[in-house]
């Protein structure tokens, strides 16, 4: 089974990355998390996260009368909250199925992907809130990837941060 080539604009060039679904890549016989295939895959995924971060559409421009300019941040935030929420996958432009399950990754892969995800989220004004010591790195990575299908407001202005709570409420 073949998957489409994904185009990513990066520094005025189009980079073509042939991506396969992680479950298809990882289901091959003899494949393990330390092979060159997984290393290349993680590198491609990090490049995709970087390209998505760098290609965020510019903040929306609001035409405001001069006497309302002091309210710009509040108005931008209100407009963002009034719009229909979208999935993070849709907003960020990176499909959730690109992310391998944590049990197929080395500790170094998990750490690098977690950092890449958090940097991408910050570029789009999202912040993951973890309680200290509640989850290890692998669990945090898994929780971040799970949030990809969650509906969130899309902050298209220059103000506002949406915090996503990454808590285990059953343990409270």
N, C-alpha and C. Protein backbone atom coordinates (compact mmCIF):
# COMPACT_ATOMS: atom_id res chain seq x y z
N UNK A 1 0.84 -1.17 0.00
CA UNK A 1 0.00 0.00 0.00
C UNK A 1 0.88 1.24 0.00
N UNK A 2 0.56 2.21 -0.83
CA UNK A 2 1.35 3.41 -0.96
C UNK A 2 0.60 4.61 -0.39
N UNK A 3 1.32 5.54 0.19
CA UNK A 3 0.72 6.74 0.73
C UNK A 3 1.20 7.93 -0.08
N UNK A 4 0.39 8.98 -0.13
CA UNK A 4 0.75 10.13 -0.97
C UNK A 4 2.00 10.83 -0.46
N UNK A 5 2.67 11.48 -1.38
CA UNK A 5 3.81 12.31 -1.02
C UNK A 5 3.27 13.58 -0.39
N UNK A 6 3.88 14.01 0.69
CA UNK A 6 3.45 15.21 1.38
C UNK A 6 4.38 16.35 1.02
N UNK A 7 3.82 17.48 0.63
CA UNK A 7 4.61 18.66 0.29
C UNK A 7 4.72 19.56 1.51
N UNK A 8 5.92 20.00 1.80
CA UNK A 8 6.13 20.96 2.87
C UNK A 8 7.00 22.07 2.33
N UNK A 9 6.54 23.31 2.49
CA UNK A 9 7.31 24.44 2.03
C UNK A 9 8.33 24.79 3.11
N UNK A 10 9.56 24.91 2.72
CA UNK A 10 10.62 25.20 3.68
C UNK A 10 11.64 26.09 2.99
N UNK A 11 11.84 27.31 3.49
CA UNK A 11 12.80 28.25 2.91
C UNK A 11 12.63 28.40 1.41
N UNK A 12 11.40 28.65 0.99
CA UNK A 12 11.06 28.86 -0.42
C UNK A 12 11.36 27.66 -1.31
N UNK A 13 11.56 26.50 -0.74
CA UNK A 13 11.72 25.27 -1.51
C UNK A 13 10.59 24.34 -1.12
N UNK A 14 10.23 23.47 -2.00
CA UNK A 14 9.27 22.44 -1.65
C UNK A 14 10.06 21.18 -1.35
N UNK A 15 9.86 20.66 -0.15
CA UNK A 15 10.53 19.44 0.26
C UNK A 15 9.52 18.32 0.16
N UNK A 16 9.83 17.28 -0.58
CA UNK A 16 8.94 16.16 -0.73
C UNK A 16 9.39 15.04 0.19
N UNK A 17 8.51 14.64 1.07
CA UNK A 17 8.83 13.58 2.01
C UNK A 17 7.86 12.43 1.78
N UNK A 18 8.38 11.27 1.47
CA UNK A 18 7.51 10.11 1.34
C UNK A 18 7.30 9.56 2.73
N UNK A 19 6.09 9.69 3.19
CA UNK A 19 5.78 9.26 4.55
C UNK A 19 4.90 8.02 4.48
N UNK A 20 5.21 7.08 5.30
CA UNK A 20 4.36 5.92 5.50
C UNK A 20 3.80 6.03 6.90
N UNK A 21 2.70 5.42 7.13
CA UNK A 21 2.14 5.43 8.47
C UNK A 21 3.06 4.64 9.39
N UNK A 22 3.30 5.16 10.60
CA UNK A 22 4.19 4.45 11.52
C UNK A 22 3.77 3.00 11.74
N UNK A 23 2.47 2.73 11.82
CA UNK A 23 2.08 1.35 12.07
C UNK A 23 2.47 0.45 10.91
N UNK A 24 2.51 0.99 9.68
CA UNK A 24 2.94 0.21 8.53
C UNK A 24 4.45 0.02 8.54
N UNK A 25 5.17 1.06 8.88
CA UNK A 25 6.63 0.97 8.95
C UNK A 25 7.03 0.01 10.06
N UNK A 26 6.37 0.13 11.18
CA UNK A 26 6.78 -0.60 12.37
C UNK A 26 6.32 -2.04 12.40
N UNK A 27 5.41 -2.41 11.52
CA UNK A 27 4.90 -3.78 11.56
C UNK A 27 5.77 -4.75 10.76
N UNK A 28 6.78 -4.21 10.07
CA UNK A 28 7.66 -5.08 9.28
C UNK A 28 8.43 -6.05 10.15
N UNK A 29 8.68 -7.23 9.63
CA UNK A 29 9.41 -8.24 10.40
C UNK A 29 10.86 -7.80 10.58
N UNK A 30 11.38 -8.05 11.74
CA UNK A 30 12.77 -7.71 12.02
C UNK A 30 13.01 -6.25 12.30
N UNK A 31 11.97 -5.44 12.29
CA UNK A 31 12.14 -4.01 12.52
C UNK A 31 12.16 -3.73 14.01
N UNK A 32 13.09 -2.92 14.46
CA UNK A 32 13.08 -2.50 15.87
C UNK A 32 13.42 -1.03 15.97
N UNK A 33 13.31 -0.49 17.17
CA UNK A 33 13.41 0.95 17.36
C UNK A 33 14.82 1.52 17.19
N UNK A 34 15.81 0.69 17.03
CA UNK A 34 17.17 1.21 16.89
C UNK A 34 17.70 1.13 15.47
N UNK A 35 16.87 0.73 14.53
CA UNK A 35 17.36 0.63 13.15
C UNK A 35 17.49 2.00 12.51
N UNK A 36 18.25 2.03 11.43
CA UNK A 36 18.41 3.27 10.68
C UNK A 36 17.09 3.75 10.12
N UNK A 37 16.18 2.84 9.83
CA UNK A 37 14.88 3.24 9.30
C UNK A 37 14.15 4.13 10.29
N UNK A 38 14.12 3.73 11.56
CA UNK A 38 13.44 4.55 12.56
C UNK A 38 14.18 5.86 12.79
N UNK A 39 15.50 5.83 12.79
CA UNK A 39 16.26 7.07 12.95
C UNK A 39 15.92 8.05 11.83
N UNK A 40 15.88 7.55 10.59
CA UNK A 40 15.52 8.42 9.46
C UNK A 40 14.09 8.92 9.59
N UNK A 41 13.21 8.04 10.02
CA UNK A 41 11.81 8.42 10.17
C UNK A 41 11.66 9.55 11.20
N UNK A 42 12.31 9.41 12.33
CA UNK A 42 12.24 10.43 13.38
C UNK A 42 12.82 11.74 12.88
N UNK A 43 13.93 11.68 12.15
CA UNK A 43 14.52 12.90 11.58
C UNK A 43 13.55 13.58 10.63
N UNK A 44 12.89 12.81 9.76
CA UNK A 44 11.89 13.38 8.85
C UNK A 44 10.75 14.01 9.63
N UNK A 45 10.30 13.34 10.65
CA UNK A 45 9.18 13.85 11.44
C UNK A 45 9.58 15.16 12.14
N UNK A 46 10.79 15.23 12.66
CA UNK A 46 11.27 16.46 13.27
C UNK A 46 11.36 17.59 12.24
N UNK A 47 11.77 17.26 11.02
CA UNK A 47 11.80 18.26 9.95
C UNK A 47 10.39 18.75 9.63
N UNK A 48 9.42 17.85 9.63
CA UNK A 48 8.03 18.22 9.36
C UNK A 48 7.51 19.14 10.46
N UNK A 49 7.82 18.83 11.72
CA UNK A 49 7.39 19.68 12.83
C UNK A 49 8.01 21.08 12.72
N UNK A 50 9.27 21.13 12.34
CA UNK A 50 9.95 22.41 12.17
C UNK A 50 9.33 23.20 11.02
N UNK A 51 9.07 22.54 9.90
CA UNK A 51 8.46 23.21 8.75
C UNK A 51 7.06 23.72 9.10
N UNK A 52 6.29 22.93 9.84
CA UNK A 52 4.95 23.36 10.25
C UNK A 52 5.04 24.58 11.17
N UNK A 53 6.01 24.57 12.05
CA UNK A 53 6.20 25.71 12.96
C UNK A 53 6.58 26.97 12.19
N UNK A 54 7.50 26.81 11.24
CA UNK A 54 7.99 27.96 10.48
C UNK A 54 6.98 28.48 9.47
N UNK A 55 6.00 27.66 9.12
CA UNK A 55 5.04 28.06 8.09
C UNK A 55 3.67 28.40 8.65
N UNK A 56 3.63 28.72 9.92
CA UNK A 56 2.35 29.17 10.51
C UNK A 56 1.91 30.44 9.78
N UNK A 57 0.63 30.48 9.47
CA UNK A 57 0.15 31.68 8.79
C UNK A 57 0.32 32.89 9.70
N UNK A 58 0.58 34.05 9.12
CA UNK A 58 0.80 35.24 9.95
C UNK A 58 -0.46 35.59 10.74
N UNK A 59 -0.28 36.28 11.87
CA UNK A 59 -1.46 36.67 12.66
C UNK A 59 -2.44 37.49 11.82
N UNK A 60 -3.69 37.32 12.15
CA UNK A 60 -4.74 38.06 11.43
C UNK A 60 -4.59 39.54 11.72
N UNK A 61 -4.84 40.34 10.72
CA UNK A 61 -4.78 41.79 10.85
C UNK A 61 -6.18 42.33 11.11
N UNK A 62 -6.34 43.02 12.19
CA UNK A 62 -7.62 43.64 12.51
C UNK A 62 -7.55 45.13 12.22
N UNK A 63 -8.55 45.63 11.54
CA UNK A 63 -8.66 47.07 11.32
C UNK A 63 -9.46 47.65 12.47
N UNK A 64 -8.79 48.42 13.30
CA UNK A 64 -9.45 49.01 14.46
C UNK A 64 -9.31 50.53 14.43
N UNK A 65 -10.35 51.22 14.88
CA UNK A 65 -10.21 52.66 15.02
C UNK A 65 -9.14 52.97 16.07
N UNK A 66 -8.50 54.10 15.93
CA UNK A 66 -7.40 54.47 16.82
C UNK A 66 -7.80 54.44 18.29
N UNK A 67 -9.03 54.84 18.59
CA UNK A 67 -9.47 54.87 20.00
C UNK A 67 -9.67 53.47 20.57
N UNK A 68 -9.70 52.42 19.72
CA UNK A 68 -9.85 51.03 20.19
C UNK A 68 -8.53 50.26 20.19
N UNK A 69 -7.48 50.88 19.73
CA UNK A 69 -6.19 50.20 19.59
C UNK A 69 -5.71 49.60 20.91
N UNK A 70 -5.99 50.26 22.01
CA UNK A 70 -5.54 49.74 23.31
C UNK A 70 -6.24 48.42 23.67
N UNK A 71 -7.32 48.08 22.97
CA UNK A 71 -8.08 46.85 23.22
C UNK A 71 -7.74 45.73 22.23
N UNK A 72 -6.75 45.96 21.37
CA UNK A 72 -6.43 45.01 20.30
C UNK A 72 -6.26 43.57 20.82
N UNK A 73 -5.47 43.39 21.87
CA UNK A 73 -5.21 42.04 22.38
C UNK A 73 -6.50 41.35 22.83
N UNK A 74 -7.35 42.09 23.52
CA UNK A 74 -8.60 41.52 24.01
C UNK A 74 -9.52 41.17 22.84
N UNK A 75 -9.61 42.05 21.87
CA UNK A 75 -10.48 41.82 20.72
C UNK A 75 -9.99 40.62 19.91
N UNK A 76 -8.66 40.52 19.70
CA UNK A 76 -8.10 39.35 18.98
C UNK A 76 -8.45 38.07 19.70
N UNK A 77 -8.27 38.06 21.00
CA UNK A 77 -8.56 36.87 21.80
C UNK A 77 -10.04 36.51 21.74
N UNK A 78 -10.91 37.49 21.87
CA UNK A 78 -12.35 37.23 21.79
C UNK A 78 -12.75 36.67 20.43
N UNK A 79 -12.19 37.22 19.37
CA UNK A 79 -12.51 36.72 18.02
C UNK A 79 -12.08 35.26 17.87
N UNK A 80 -10.92 34.95 18.39
CA UNK A 80 -10.43 33.56 18.32
C UNK A 80 -11.36 32.62 19.08
N UNK A 81 -11.85 33.06 20.22
CA UNK A 81 -12.71 32.22 21.05
C UNK A 81 -14.10 32.05 20.43
N UNK A 82 -14.52 33.00 19.60
CA UNK A 82 -15.84 32.95 18.97
C UNK A 82 -15.87 32.00 17.77
N UNK A 83 -14.72 31.75 17.16
CA UNK A 83 -14.67 30.88 15.99
C UNK A 83 -14.85 29.42 16.39
N UNK A 84 -15.26 28.61 15.43
CA UNK A 84 -15.40 27.18 15.68
C UNK A 84 -14.04 26.60 16.05
N UNK A 85 -14.05 25.71 17.03
CA UNK A 85 -12.82 25.03 17.40
C UNK A 85 -12.47 24.00 16.33
N UNK A 86 -11.18 23.74 16.19
CA UNK A 86 -10.68 22.77 15.22
C UNK A 86 -9.76 21.80 15.93
N UNK A 87 -9.48 20.68 15.29
CA UNK A 87 -8.54 19.74 15.90
C UNK A 87 -7.14 20.32 15.79
N UNK A 88 -6.30 19.94 16.73
CA UNK A 88 -4.91 20.37 16.67
C UNK A 88 -4.26 19.86 15.39
N UNK A 89 -4.64 18.66 14.98
CA UNK A 89 -4.11 18.08 13.75
C UNK A 89 -4.40 19.00 12.56
N UNK A 90 -5.60 19.53 12.49
CA UNK A 90 -5.99 20.43 11.41
C UNK A 90 -5.24 21.76 11.50
N UNK A 91 -5.16 22.31 12.69
CA UNK A 91 -4.50 23.60 12.89
C UNK A 91 -3.00 23.51 12.60
N UNK A 92 -2.36 22.47 13.13
CA UNK A 92 -0.91 22.34 13.02
C UNK A 92 -0.48 21.80 11.66
N UNK A 93 -1.36 21.08 10.97
CA UNK A 93 -1.05 20.57 9.64
C UNK A 93 -0.19 19.32 9.64
N UNK A 94 -0.11 18.64 10.76
CA UNK A 94 0.67 17.41 10.84
C UNK A 94 -0.26 16.29 11.31
N UNK A 95 -0.48 15.28 10.48
CA UNK A 95 -1.39 14.20 10.87
C UNK A 95 -0.89 13.43 12.10
N UNK A 96 -1.83 13.06 12.95
CA UNK A 96 -1.49 12.33 14.17
C UNK A 96 -0.83 10.99 13.86
N UNK A 97 -1.25 10.35 12.77
CA UNK A 97 -0.73 9.02 12.49
C UNK A 97 0.75 9.04 12.09
N UNK A 98 1.36 10.19 11.93
CA UNK A 98 2.79 10.27 11.66
C UNK A 98 3.63 9.91 12.89
N UNK A 99 3.02 9.99 14.08
CA UNK A 99 3.78 9.79 15.32
C UNK A 99 3.80 8.32 15.71
N UNK A 100 5.01 7.75 15.80
CA UNK A 100 5.12 6.34 16.20
C UNK A 100 4.71 6.15 17.65
N UNK A 101 4.22 4.96 17.99
CA UNK A 101 3.94 4.68 19.40
C UNK A 101 5.24 4.70 20.20
N UNK A 102 5.15 5.12 21.44
CA UNK A 102 6.35 5.31 22.25
C UNK A 102 7.14 4.03 22.45
N UNK A 103 6.48 2.88 22.41
CA UNK A 103 7.21 1.63 22.65
C UNK A 103 8.10 1.24 21.47
N UNK A 104 7.96 1.94 20.37
CA UNK A 104 8.82 1.70 19.20
C UNK A 104 9.97 2.69 19.09
N UNK A 105 10.08 3.58 20.08
CA UNK A 105 11.09 4.63 20.06
C UNK A 105 12.13 4.43 21.15
N UNK A 106 13.33 4.89 20.89
CA UNK A 106 14.34 4.92 21.94
C UNK A 106 14.03 6.10 22.87
N UNK A 107 14.70 6.15 24.01
CA UNK A 107 14.52 7.28 24.92
C UNK A 107 14.92 8.58 24.24
N UNK A 108 15.99 8.55 23.45
CA UNK A 108 16.44 9.75 22.73
C UNK A 108 15.39 10.20 21.72
N UNK A 109 14.78 9.26 21.00
CA UNK A 109 13.72 9.61 20.04
C UNK A 109 12.56 10.30 20.77
N UNK A 110 12.13 9.71 21.89
CA UNK A 110 11.00 10.25 22.65
C UNK A 110 11.32 11.67 23.09
N UNK A 111 12.50 11.88 23.62
CA UNK A 111 12.89 13.21 24.10
C UNK A 111 12.90 14.23 22.96
N UNK A 112 13.49 13.86 21.84
CA UNK A 112 13.58 14.80 20.70
C UNK A 112 12.20 15.11 20.13
N UNK A 113 11.36 14.09 20.00
CA UNK A 113 10.01 14.33 19.46
C UNK A 113 9.17 15.15 20.43
N UNK A 114 9.31 14.90 21.71
CA UNK A 114 8.57 15.68 22.71
C UNK A 114 8.95 17.15 22.62
N UNK A 115 10.24 17.43 22.52
CA UNK A 115 10.71 18.82 22.40
C UNK A 115 10.17 19.44 21.11
N UNK A 116 10.23 18.70 20.00
CA UNK A 116 9.71 19.20 18.73
C UNK A 116 8.22 19.51 18.79
N UNK A 117 7.45 18.64 19.44
CA UNK A 117 6.00 18.87 19.58
C UNK A 117 5.76 20.13 20.41
N UNK A 118 6.43 20.26 21.55
CA UNK A 118 6.22 21.41 22.42
C UNK A 118 6.60 22.72 21.73
N UNK A 119 7.68 22.71 20.95
CA UNK A 119 8.07 23.91 20.21
C UNK A 119 7.02 24.28 19.16
N UNK A 120 6.48 23.28 18.48
CA UNK A 120 5.42 23.52 17.50
C UNK A 120 4.20 24.09 18.20
N UNK A 121 3.80 23.49 19.31
CA UNK A 121 2.64 23.99 20.04
C UNK A 121 2.83 25.44 20.44
N UNK A 122 4.00 25.79 20.96
CA UNK A 122 4.24 27.17 21.41
C UNK A 122 4.14 28.16 20.24
N UNK A 123 4.59 27.75 19.07
CA UNK A 123 4.50 28.62 17.90
C UNK A 123 3.05 28.93 17.54
N UNK A 124 2.14 28.02 17.90
CA UNK A 124 0.71 28.20 17.64
C UNK A 124 -0.06 28.62 18.90
N UNK A 125 0.66 29.01 19.94
CA UNK A 125 0.07 29.50 21.20
C UNK A 125 -0.66 28.43 22.01
N UNK A 126 -0.07 27.25 22.04
CA UNK A 126 -0.59 26.18 22.90
C UNK A 126 0.51 25.79 23.88
N UNK A 127 0.09 25.43 25.07
CA UNK A 127 1.04 25.05 26.11
C UNK A 127 0.52 23.81 26.82
N UNK A 128 1.40 22.82 26.98
CA UNK A 128 1.05 21.60 27.71
C UNK A 128 1.39 21.78 29.18
N UNK A 129 0.43 21.50 30.03
CA UNK A 129 0.64 21.63 31.47
C UNK A 129 0.67 20.24 32.10
N UNK A 130 1.86 19.84 32.54
CA UNK A 130 2.06 18.57 33.25
C UNK A 130 2.35 18.89 34.71
N UNK A 131 1.82 18.09 35.61
CA UNK A 131 2.22 18.22 37.02
C UNK A 131 3.56 17.52 37.18
N UNK A 132 4.43 18.15 37.91
CA UNK A 132 5.77 17.62 38.10
C UNK A 132 5.73 16.22 38.69
N UNK A 133 6.41 15.30 38.04
CA UNK A 133 6.55 13.94 38.53
C UNK A 133 5.38 13.01 38.28
N UNK A 134 4.31 13.51 37.65
CA UNK A 134 3.15 12.65 37.45
C UNK A 134 3.36 11.64 36.32
N UNK A 135 4.03 12.04 35.26
CA UNK A 135 4.26 11.16 34.12
C UNK A 135 5.73 11.17 33.75
N UNK A 136 6.24 10.02 33.30
CA UNK A 136 7.61 9.98 32.80
C UNK A 136 7.60 10.51 31.36
N UNK A 137 8.79 10.60 30.75
CA UNK A 137 8.92 11.18 29.40
C UNK A 137 8.07 10.43 28.38
N UNK A 138 8.06 9.14 28.42
CA UNK A 138 7.29 8.34 27.46
C UNK A 138 5.79 8.59 27.61
N UNK A 139 5.32 8.66 28.84
CA UNK A 139 3.91 8.94 29.06
C UNK A 139 3.54 10.35 28.61
N UNK A 140 4.45 11.30 28.83
CA UNK A 140 4.20 12.67 28.37
C UNK A 140 4.12 12.71 26.84
N UNK A 141 5.04 12.04 26.15
CA UNK A 141 4.99 11.98 24.69
C UNK A 141 3.65 11.40 24.23
N UNK A 142 3.23 10.31 24.83
CA UNK A 142 1.96 9.67 24.45
C UNK A 142 0.79 10.61 24.67
N UNK A 143 0.77 11.31 25.79
CA UNK A 143 -0.32 12.26 26.07
C UNK A 143 -0.33 13.40 25.06
N UNK A 144 0.85 13.89 24.68
CA UNK A 144 0.92 14.97 23.69
C UNK A 144 0.34 14.50 22.35
N UNK A 145 0.71 13.32 21.93
CA UNK A 145 0.21 12.79 20.65
C UNK A 145 -1.30 12.55 20.72
N UNK A 146 -1.80 12.08 21.86
CA UNK A 146 -3.24 11.85 22.01
C UNK A 146 -4.03 13.15 21.84
N UNK A 147 -3.47 14.28 22.23
CA UNK A 147 -4.16 15.57 22.15
C UNK A 147 -4.32 16.05 20.70
N UNK A 148 -3.63 15.42 19.77
CA UNK A 148 -3.66 15.84 18.37
C UNK A 148 -5.09 15.85 17.81
N UNK A 149 -5.96 15.00 18.31
CA UNK A 149 -7.34 14.91 17.82
C UNK A 149 -8.31 15.77 18.62
N UNK A 150 -7.81 16.47 19.64
CA UNK A 150 -8.66 17.30 20.48
C UNK A 150 -9.01 18.61 19.77
N UNK A 151 -10.24 19.05 19.98
CA UNK A 151 -10.67 20.33 19.44
C UNK A 151 -10.24 21.46 20.38
N UNK A 152 -9.64 22.49 19.78
CA UNK A 152 -9.14 23.63 20.55
C UNK A 152 -9.43 24.91 19.78
N UNK A 153 -9.44 26.06 20.48
CA UNK A 153 -9.57 27.32 19.75
C UNK A 153 -8.32 27.57 18.92
N UNK A 154 -8.50 28.24 17.82
CA UNK A 154 -7.37 28.58 16.95
C UNK A 154 -7.06 30.05 17.14
N UNK A 155 -5.97 30.34 17.83
CA UNK A 155 -5.56 31.71 18.09
C UNK A 155 -4.83 32.25 16.87
N UNK A 156 -5.56 33.03 16.08
CA UNK A 156 -4.98 33.55 14.84
C UNK A 156 -4.43 34.95 15.04
N UNK A 157 -4.59 35.51 16.20
CA UNK A 157 -4.02 36.81 16.49
C UNK A 157 -2.63 36.63 17.08
N UNK A 158 -2.16 37.66 17.72
CA UNK A 158 -0.83 37.60 18.31
C UNK A 158 -0.89 37.45 19.82
N UNK A 159 -2.10 37.26 20.36
CA UNK A 159 -2.27 37.23 21.80
C UNK A 159 -3.01 35.96 22.22
N UNK A 160 -2.71 35.49 23.40
CA UNK A 160 -3.43 34.37 23.98
C UNK A 160 -2.65 33.07 23.89
N UNK A 161 -2.77 32.28 24.92
CA UNK A 161 -2.19 30.94 24.95
C UNK A 161 -3.24 30.00 25.52
N UNK A 162 -3.44 28.88 24.86
CA UNK A 162 -4.40 27.88 25.30
C UNK A 162 -3.62 26.79 26.02
N UNK A 163 -3.93 26.58 27.29
CA UNK A 163 -3.24 25.58 28.10
C UNK A 163 -4.02 24.27 28.05
N UNK A 164 -3.33 23.19 27.73
CA UNK A 164 -3.94 21.87 27.72
C UNK A 164 -3.45 21.12 28.95
N UNK A 165 -4.38 20.77 29.80
CA UNK A 165 -4.03 20.09 31.04
C UNK A 165 -3.73 18.63 30.74
N UNK A 166 -2.58 18.19 31.16
CA UNK A 166 -2.14 16.81 30.96
C UNK A 166 -2.08 16.12 32.32
N UNK A 167 -3.24 16.03 32.95
CA UNK A 167 -3.32 15.46 34.30
C UNK A 167 -4.06 14.14 34.25
N UNK A 168 -3.76 13.31 35.22
CA UNK A 168 -4.52 12.10 35.41
C UNK A 168 -5.50 12.37 36.54
N UNK A 169 -6.72 12.72 36.18
CA UNK A 169 -7.70 13.13 37.19
C UNK A 169 -8.16 11.97 38.06
N UNK A 170 -7.93 10.75 37.63
CA UNK A 170 -8.29 9.59 38.46
C UNK A 170 -7.42 9.49 39.70
N UNK A 171 -6.23 10.09 39.64
CA UNK A 171 -5.32 10.03 40.78
C UNK A 171 -5.48 11.18 41.75
N UNK A 172 -6.43 12.06 41.53
CA UNK A 172 -6.61 13.21 42.41
C UNK A 172 -7.35 12.82 43.67
